[in-house]
N, C-alpha and C. Protein backbone atom coordinates (compact mmCIF):
# COMPACT_ATOMS: atom_id res chain seq x y z
N MET A 1 0.83 -1.20 0.00
CA MET A 1 0.00 0.00 0.00
C MET A 1 0.87 1.25 0.00
N LYS A 2 1.97 1.22 0.72
CA LYS A 2 2.86 2.37 0.82
C LYS A 2 3.51 2.67 -0.54
N SER A 3 3.87 1.61 -1.30
CA SER A 3 4.53 1.84 -2.60
C SER A 3 3.56 2.44 -3.60
N ASN A 4 2.27 2.08 -3.54
CA ASN A 4 1.28 2.69 -4.43
C ASN A 4 1.14 4.17 -4.14
N SER A 5 1.17 4.52 -2.87
CA SER A 5 1.07 5.92 -2.48
C SER A 5 2.28 6.72 -2.97
N ARG A 6 3.45 6.12 -2.86
CA ARG A 6 4.66 6.80 -3.33
C ARG A 6 4.66 6.95 -4.84
N ALA A 7 4.20 5.92 -5.54
CA ALA A 7 4.14 5.99 -7.01
C ALA A 7 3.15 7.06 -7.45
N LEU A 8 2.02 7.14 -6.78
CA LEU A 8 1.03 8.16 -7.12
C LEU A 8 1.55 9.56 -6.81
N ALA A 9 2.26 9.70 -5.71
CA ALA A 9 2.84 10.99 -5.36
C ALA A 9 3.90 11.41 -6.38
N ALA A 10 4.71 10.45 -6.83
CA ALA A 10 5.73 10.75 -7.84
C ALA A 10 5.07 11.16 -9.16
N LEU A 11 4.02 10.44 -9.54
CA LEU A 11 3.30 10.79 -10.77
C LEU A 11 2.67 12.17 -10.66
N ALA A 12 2.08 12.48 -9.51
CA ALA A 12 1.47 13.80 -9.30
C ALA A 12 2.53 14.90 -9.37
N ALA A 13 3.71 14.64 -8.83
CA ALA A 13 4.78 15.64 -8.87
C ALA A 13 5.24 15.88 -10.31
N ILE A 14 5.38 14.81 -11.08
CA ILE A 14 5.81 14.96 -12.48
C ILE A 14 4.76 15.71 -13.28
N VAL A 15 3.49 15.33 -13.12
CA VAL A 15 2.42 16.02 -13.84
C VAL A 15 2.34 17.48 -13.40
N GLY A 16 2.52 17.74 -12.12
CA GLY A 16 2.48 19.11 -11.62
C GLY A 16 3.56 19.98 -12.24
N VAL A 17 4.77 19.46 -12.30
CA VAL A 17 5.88 20.23 -12.91
C VAL A 17 5.61 20.47 -14.39
N LEU A 18 5.12 19.45 -15.09
CA LEU A 18 4.83 19.61 -16.52
C LEU A 18 3.72 20.64 -16.75
N LEU A 19 2.73 20.66 -15.90
CA LEU A 19 1.65 21.64 -16.06
C LEU A 19 2.11 23.06 -15.76
N VAL A 20 2.99 23.22 -14.79
CA VAL A 20 3.53 24.56 -14.51
C VAL A 20 4.37 25.04 -15.70
N ILE A 21 5.15 24.14 -16.29
CA ILE A 21 5.91 24.50 -17.48
C ILE A 21 4.98 24.86 -18.62
N LEU A 22 3.90 24.10 -18.79
CA LEU A 22 2.91 24.40 -19.82
C LEU A 22 2.27 25.77 -19.60
N ALA A 23 2.03 26.12 -18.34
CA ALA A 23 1.46 27.43 -18.04
C ALA A 23 2.39 28.54 -18.51
N VAL A 24 3.68 28.37 -18.27
CA VAL A 24 4.65 29.37 -18.72
C VAL A 24 4.65 29.46 -20.25
N VAL A 25 4.55 28.32 -20.92
CA VAL A 25 4.49 28.33 -22.39
C VAL A 25 3.28 29.10 -22.87
N TYR A 26 2.13 28.88 -22.24
CA TYR A 26 0.92 29.62 -22.62
C TYR A 26 1.09 31.12 -22.40
N TRP A 27 1.78 31.51 -21.35
CA TRP A 27 1.94 32.94 -21.05
C TRP A 27 2.97 33.61 -21.95
N VAL A 28 3.98 32.88 -22.39
CA VAL A 28 5.08 33.48 -23.13
C VAL A 28 4.84 33.48 -24.64
N ARG A 29 4.28 32.43 -25.16
CA ARG A 29 4.13 32.28 -26.61
C ARG A 29 2.75 32.72 -27.07
N THR A 30 2.69 33.25 -28.28
CA THR A 30 1.40 33.62 -28.86
C THR A 30 0.68 32.37 -29.33
N ALA A 31 -0.62 32.50 -29.61
CA ALA A 31 -1.42 31.36 -30.05
C ALA A 31 -0.90 30.79 -31.36
N ASP A 32 -0.32 31.61 -32.19
CA ASP A 32 0.25 31.17 -33.46
C ASP A 32 1.52 30.34 -33.24
N ALA A 33 2.28 30.65 -32.20
CA ALA A 33 3.55 29.98 -31.96
C ALA A 33 3.42 28.72 -31.12
N LEU A 34 2.21 28.42 -30.61
CA LEU A 34 2.02 27.21 -29.83
C LEU A 34 2.10 25.99 -30.73
N PRO A 35 2.57 24.87 -30.21
CA PRO A 35 2.56 23.64 -31.01
C PRO A 35 1.13 23.27 -31.41
N GLY A 36 0.98 22.65 -32.55
CA GLY A 36 -0.35 22.34 -33.07
C GLY A 36 -1.17 21.40 -32.20
N TRP A 37 -0.53 20.58 -31.37
CA TRP A 37 -1.25 19.62 -30.55
C TRP A 37 -1.78 20.22 -29.25
N LEU A 38 -1.40 21.45 -28.95
CA LEU A 38 -1.90 22.11 -27.74
C LEU A 38 -3.23 22.79 -27.99
N PRO A 39 -4.15 22.69 -27.03
CA PRO A 39 -5.39 23.46 -27.16
C PRO A 39 -5.08 24.95 -27.19
N GLY A 40 -5.70 25.68 -28.06
CA GLY A 40 -5.48 27.11 -28.17
C GLY A 40 -4.60 27.51 -29.33
N HIS A 41 -4.03 26.53 -30.02
CA HIS A 41 -3.22 26.86 -31.20
C HIS A 41 -4.14 27.46 -32.26
N ASP A 42 -3.79 28.63 -32.75
CA ASP A 42 -4.61 29.32 -33.74
C ASP A 42 -3.68 29.98 -34.75
N GLN A 43 -3.67 29.43 -35.94
CA GLN A 43 -2.79 29.94 -36.99
C GLN A 43 -3.10 31.40 -37.29
N GLY A 44 -2.10 32.25 -37.25
CA GLY A 44 -2.26 33.66 -37.57
C GLY A 44 -2.69 34.53 -36.40
N SER A 45 -2.89 33.96 -35.23
CA SER A 45 -3.33 34.74 -34.07
C SER A 45 -2.12 35.31 -33.33
N THR A 46 -2.29 36.50 -32.78
CA THR A 46 -1.18 37.14 -32.06
C THR A 46 -1.46 37.31 -30.57
N HIS A 47 -2.54 36.71 -30.06
CA HIS A 47 -2.83 36.90 -28.63
C HIS A 47 -2.30 35.73 -27.81
N HIS A 48 -2.16 35.97 -26.51
CA HIS A 48 -1.68 34.96 -25.56
C HIS A 48 -2.88 34.36 -24.86
N HIS A 49 -2.79 33.08 -24.53
CA HIS A 49 -3.87 32.39 -23.81
C HIS A 49 -3.61 32.46 -22.31
N VAL A 50 -3.94 33.58 -21.74
CA VAL A 50 -3.68 33.81 -20.32
C VAL A 50 -4.53 32.87 -19.46
N LYS A 51 -5.80 32.69 -19.82
CA LYS A 51 -6.68 31.83 -19.02
C LYS A 51 -6.25 30.37 -19.08
N HIS A 52 -5.78 29.91 -20.24
CA HIS A 52 -5.25 28.55 -20.33
C HIS A 52 -4.05 28.40 -19.39
N GLY A 53 -3.20 29.41 -19.37
CA GLY A 53 -2.03 29.38 -18.50
C GLY A 53 -2.39 29.38 -17.03
N ILE A 54 -3.38 30.18 -16.66
CA ILE A 54 -3.82 30.22 -15.26
C ILE A 54 -4.37 28.86 -14.85
N ALA A 55 -5.19 28.26 -15.70
CA ALA A 55 -5.77 26.95 -15.39
C ALA A 55 -4.69 25.89 -15.26
N ALA A 56 -3.75 25.87 -16.19
CA ALA A 56 -2.66 24.88 -16.13
C ALA A 56 -1.82 25.09 -14.87
N PHE A 57 -1.57 26.35 -14.52
CA PHE A 57 -0.77 26.64 -13.34
C PHE A 57 -1.45 26.14 -12.06
N PHE A 58 -2.74 26.42 -11.90
CA PHE A 58 -3.42 26.02 -10.67
C PHE A 58 -3.61 24.51 -10.57
N VAL A 59 -3.88 23.85 -11.67
CA VAL A 59 -3.98 22.38 -11.63
C VAL A 59 -2.60 21.77 -11.33
N GLY A 60 -1.55 22.34 -11.92
CA GLY A 60 -0.20 21.87 -11.62
C GLY A 60 0.18 22.11 -10.18
N ALA A 61 -0.17 23.26 -9.65
CA ALA A 61 0.12 23.56 -8.25
C ALA A 61 -0.65 22.60 -7.33
N ALA A 62 -1.89 22.28 -7.68
CA ALA A 62 -2.68 21.34 -6.88
C ALA A 62 -2.02 19.95 -6.89
N CYS A 63 -1.50 19.53 -8.03
CA CYS A 63 -0.80 18.25 -8.11
C CYS A 63 0.45 18.26 -7.24
N LEU A 64 1.18 19.36 -7.25
CA LEU A 64 2.38 19.45 -6.43
C LEU A 64 2.05 19.46 -4.94
N VAL A 65 0.98 20.13 -4.56
CA VAL A 65 0.57 20.14 -3.15
C VAL A 65 0.14 18.74 -2.73
N TYR A 66 -0.59 18.04 -3.59
CA TYR A 66 -0.99 16.67 -3.30
C TYR A 66 0.25 15.79 -3.09
N ALA A 67 1.22 15.90 -3.98
CA ALA A 67 2.44 15.10 -3.86
C ALA A 67 3.18 15.44 -2.57
N TRP A 68 3.20 16.71 -2.20
CA TRP A 68 3.87 17.13 -0.99
C TRP A 68 3.23 16.50 0.25
N PHE A 69 1.90 16.54 0.31
CA PHE A 69 1.21 15.98 1.46
C PHE A 69 1.31 14.45 1.50
N GLN A 70 1.39 13.81 0.36
CA GLN A 70 1.50 12.35 0.32
C GLN A 70 2.88 11.86 0.76
N THR A 71 3.89 12.71 0.64
CA THR A 71 5.24 12.29 1.01
C THR A 71 5.60 12.71 2.43
N GLY A 72 4.65 13.21 3.19
CA GLY A 72 4.91 13.61 4.56
C GLY A 72 5.21 12.41 5.45
N SER A 73 5.61 12.67 6.65
CA SER A 73 6.01 11.60 7.57
C SER A 73 4.83 10.83 8.12
N GLY A 74 3.64 11.39 8.09
CA GLY A 74 2.48 10.70 8.63
C GLY A 74 2.32 10.86 10.13
N ARG A 75 3.25 11.58 10.77
CA ARG A 75 3.16 11.83 12.20
C ARG A 75 2.46 13.16 12.44
N PRO A 76 1.68 13.24 13.49
CA PRO A 76 1.10 14.54 13.82
C PRO A 76 2.19 15.50 14.25
N GLY A 77 1.94 16.78 14.03
CA GLY A 77 2.93 17.80 14.39
C GLY A 77 3.15 17.88 15.88
N ARG A 78 4.31 18.37 16.25
CA ARG A 78 4.61 18.55 17.66
C ARG A 78 3.95 19.82 18.15
N PRO A 79 3.41 19.78 19.34
CA PRO A 79 2.79 21.01 19.87
C PRO A 79 3.85 22.06 20.15
N THR A 80 3.49 23.29 19.90
CA THR A 80 4.42 24.38 20.17
C THR A 80 4.14 24.92 21.57
N GLY A 81 5.20 25.26 22.26
CA GLY A 81 5.01 25.91 23.55
C GLY A 81 5.33 25.13 24.72
């Protein structure tokens, strides 16, 4: 059971990093310069897909947060004070 959790956390981390990179691509490149297989590719268009980038960023960040919590120690925190 523990190895399945680690494998899922590793997959979530990889997907999270890829989605954050994709968000940067959406923000930096115009719709015309995007690869044809990406949603939002529009031949001859000069605008940026800011909303696509925001969505990819937040889903990627959620994947990274999930991976972070899955790799925790599983112990409750120590009380302060």
